[in-house]
């Protein structure tokens, strides 16, 4: 740790470590009922999303080595990268929810 204390990236890592087992074992936990498939997709996607947040920030503030694209996490290019990431996350979640819903409808109609 450069700063000597916990940062937002550390808290995201802790959140990911908490969410991963919940997402992996959501079906066995049986606490989500009929929403299990949706919860699992959202949680697993969220862990990927949370992993990309520090990746985007670190990449844009460190590369290229001679002259980084951003001077810090509040730079406009970093903020735009994070906004794009949020849009991709929401689009991916929406797609997954629609696919799960369609699969469940097909299963009901077939059964």
Protein backbone atom coordinates (compact mmCIF):
# COMPACT_ATOMS: atom_id res chain seq x y z
CA UNK A 1 0.00 0.00 0.00
CA UNK A 2 1.57 3.22 -1.13
CA UNK A 3 -0.56 5.36 1.16
CA UNK A 4 -0.14 3.23 4.28
CA UNK A 5 -3.88 2.85 4.78
CA UNK A 6 -6.86 1.21 3.12
CA UNK A 7 -8.14 2.85 -0.05
CA UNK A 8 -11.27 2.48 -2.16
CA UNK A 9 -9.57 -0.28 -4.15
CA UNK A 10 -9.04 -2.31 -0.99
CA UNK A 11 -12.67 -1.94 -0.02
CA UNK A 12 -13.73 -3.07 -3.50
CA UNK A 13 -11.50 -6.13 -3.12
CA UNK A 14 -13.13 -6.95 0.21
CA UNK A 15 -16.57 -6.51 -1.34
CA UNK A 16 -15.61 -8.85 -4.18
CA UNK A 17 -14.37 -11.46 -1.71
CA UNK A 18 -17.68 -11.26 0.15
CA UNK A 19 -19.84 -11.40 -2.98
CA UNK A 20 -18.00 -14.20 -4.79
CA UNK A 21 -18.98 -17.04 -2.45
CA UNK A 22 -22.55 -15.74 -2.34
CA UNK A 23 -22.70 -15.75 -6.14
CA UNK A 24 -21.05 -19.14 -6.45
CA UNK A 25 -23.23 -20.83 -3.84
CA UNK A 26 -26.47 -18.89 -4.44
CA UNK A 27 -28.30 -22.00 -5.65
CA UNK A 28 -27.25 -24.02 -2.61
CA UNK A 29 -28.15 -21.24 -0.16
CA UNK A 30 -31.83 -21.36 -1.15
CA UNK A 31 -32.50 -17.96 0.46
CA UNK A 32 -33.31 -16.23 -2.82
CA UNK A 33 -36.14 -18.54 -3.86
CA UNK A 34 -37.26 -18.11 -7.47
CA UNK A 35 -34.87 -15.20 -7.92
CA UNK A 36 -31.76 -17.33 -7.45
CA UNK A 37 -30.75 -17.33 -11.12
CA UNK A 38 -31.15 -13.57 -11.34
CA UNK A 39 -29.29 -12.93 -8.09
CA UNK A 40 -26.45 -15.20 -9.15
CA UNK A 41 -26.08 -13.47 -12.52
CA UNK A 42 -26.16 -10.01 -10.95
CA UNK A 43 -23.71 -10.83 -8.17
CA UNK A 44 -21.22 -12.54 -10.46
CA UNK A 45 -21.45 -9.67 -12.95
CA UNK A 46 -20.99 -7.19 -10.11
CA UNK A 47 -17.79 -8.89 -9.00
CA UNK A 48 -16.43 -8.56 -12.53
CA UNK A 49 -17.56 -4.93 -12.67
CA UNK A 50 -15.94 -4.14 -9.32
CA UNK A 51 -12.71 -5.77 -10.53
CA UNK A 52 -12.64 -3.53 -13.58
CA UNK A 53 -13.02 -0.28 -11.62
CA UNK A 54 -9.47 -0.23 -10.20
CA UNK A 55 -8.17 -1.74 -13.44
CA UNK A 56 -9.50 1.21 -15.44
CA UNK A 57 -8.22 3.75 -12.94
CA UNK A 58 -4.75 2.20 -12.61
CA UNK A 59 -4.36 1.70 -16.35
CA UNK A 60 -5.29 5.24 -17.25
CA UNK A 61 -3.18 6.80 -14.49
CA UNK A 62 -0.06 4.72 -15.22
CA UNK A 63 0.05 4.17 -18.99
CA UNK A 64 1.86 5.08 -21.12
CA UNK A 65 4.69 5.13 -18.62
CA UNK A 66 6.31 8.28 -20.02
CA UNK A 67 3.10 10.34 -19.96
CA UNK A 68 0.00 8.75 -18.40
CA UNK A 69 -3.36 9.52 -19.97
CA UNK A 70 -4.79 10.71 -16.64
CA UNK A 71 -3.26 12.53 -13.71
CA UNK A 72 -5.55 10.94 -11.11
CA UNK A 73 -8.81 9.12 -10.48
CA UNK A 74 -10.81 12.33 -10.88
CA UNK A 75 -9.53 13.04 -14.39
CA UNK A 76 -12.21 13.34 -17.04
CA UNK A 77 -10.89 10.40 -19.07
CA UNK A 78 -11.05 8.14 -16.00
CA UNK A 79 -14.56 9.31 -15.20
CA UNK A 80 -15.61 8.67 -18.81
CA UNK A 81 -14.05 5.21 -18.69
CA UNK A 82 -15.97 4.42 -15.51
CA UNK A 83 -19.22 5.71 -17.01
CA UNK A 84 -18.70 3.47 -20.04
CA UNK A 85 -18.03 0.59 -17.66
CA UNK A 86 -21.30 1.27 -15.81
CA UNK A 87 -23.25 1.35 -19.09
CA UNK A 88 -21.68 -1.97 -20.16
CA UNK A 89 -22.46 -3.47 -16.75
CA UNK A 90 -26.10 -2.37 -16.84
CA UNK A 91 -26.46 -3.53 -20.44
CA UNK A 92 -24.94 -6.90 -19.59
CA UNK A 93 -27.19 -7.35 -16.57
CA UNK A 94 -30.25 -6.41 -18.60
CA UNK A 95 -29.30 -8.91 -21.31
CA UNK A 96 -28.73 -11.68 -18.76
CA UNK A 97 -32.02 -11.02 -16.97
CA UNK A 98 -33.91 -11.10 -20.27
CA UNK A 99 -32.21 -14.36 -21.29
CA UNK A 100 -32.95 -15.98 -17.92
CA UNK A 101 -36.57 -14.85 -18.10
CA UNK A 102 -36.96 -16.22 -21.65
CA UNK A 103 -35.38 -19.53 -20.61
CA UNK A 104 -37.78 -19.84 -17.67
CA UNK A 105 -40.77 -19.08 -19.90
CA UNK A 106 -39.68 -21.75 -22.38
CA UNK A 107 -39.28 -24.25 -19.54
CA UNK A 108 -42.78 -23.48 -18.25
CA UNK A 109 -44.30 -23.79 -21.72
CA UNK A 110 -42.46 -27.07 -22.40
CA UNK A 111 -43.28 -28.56 -19.00
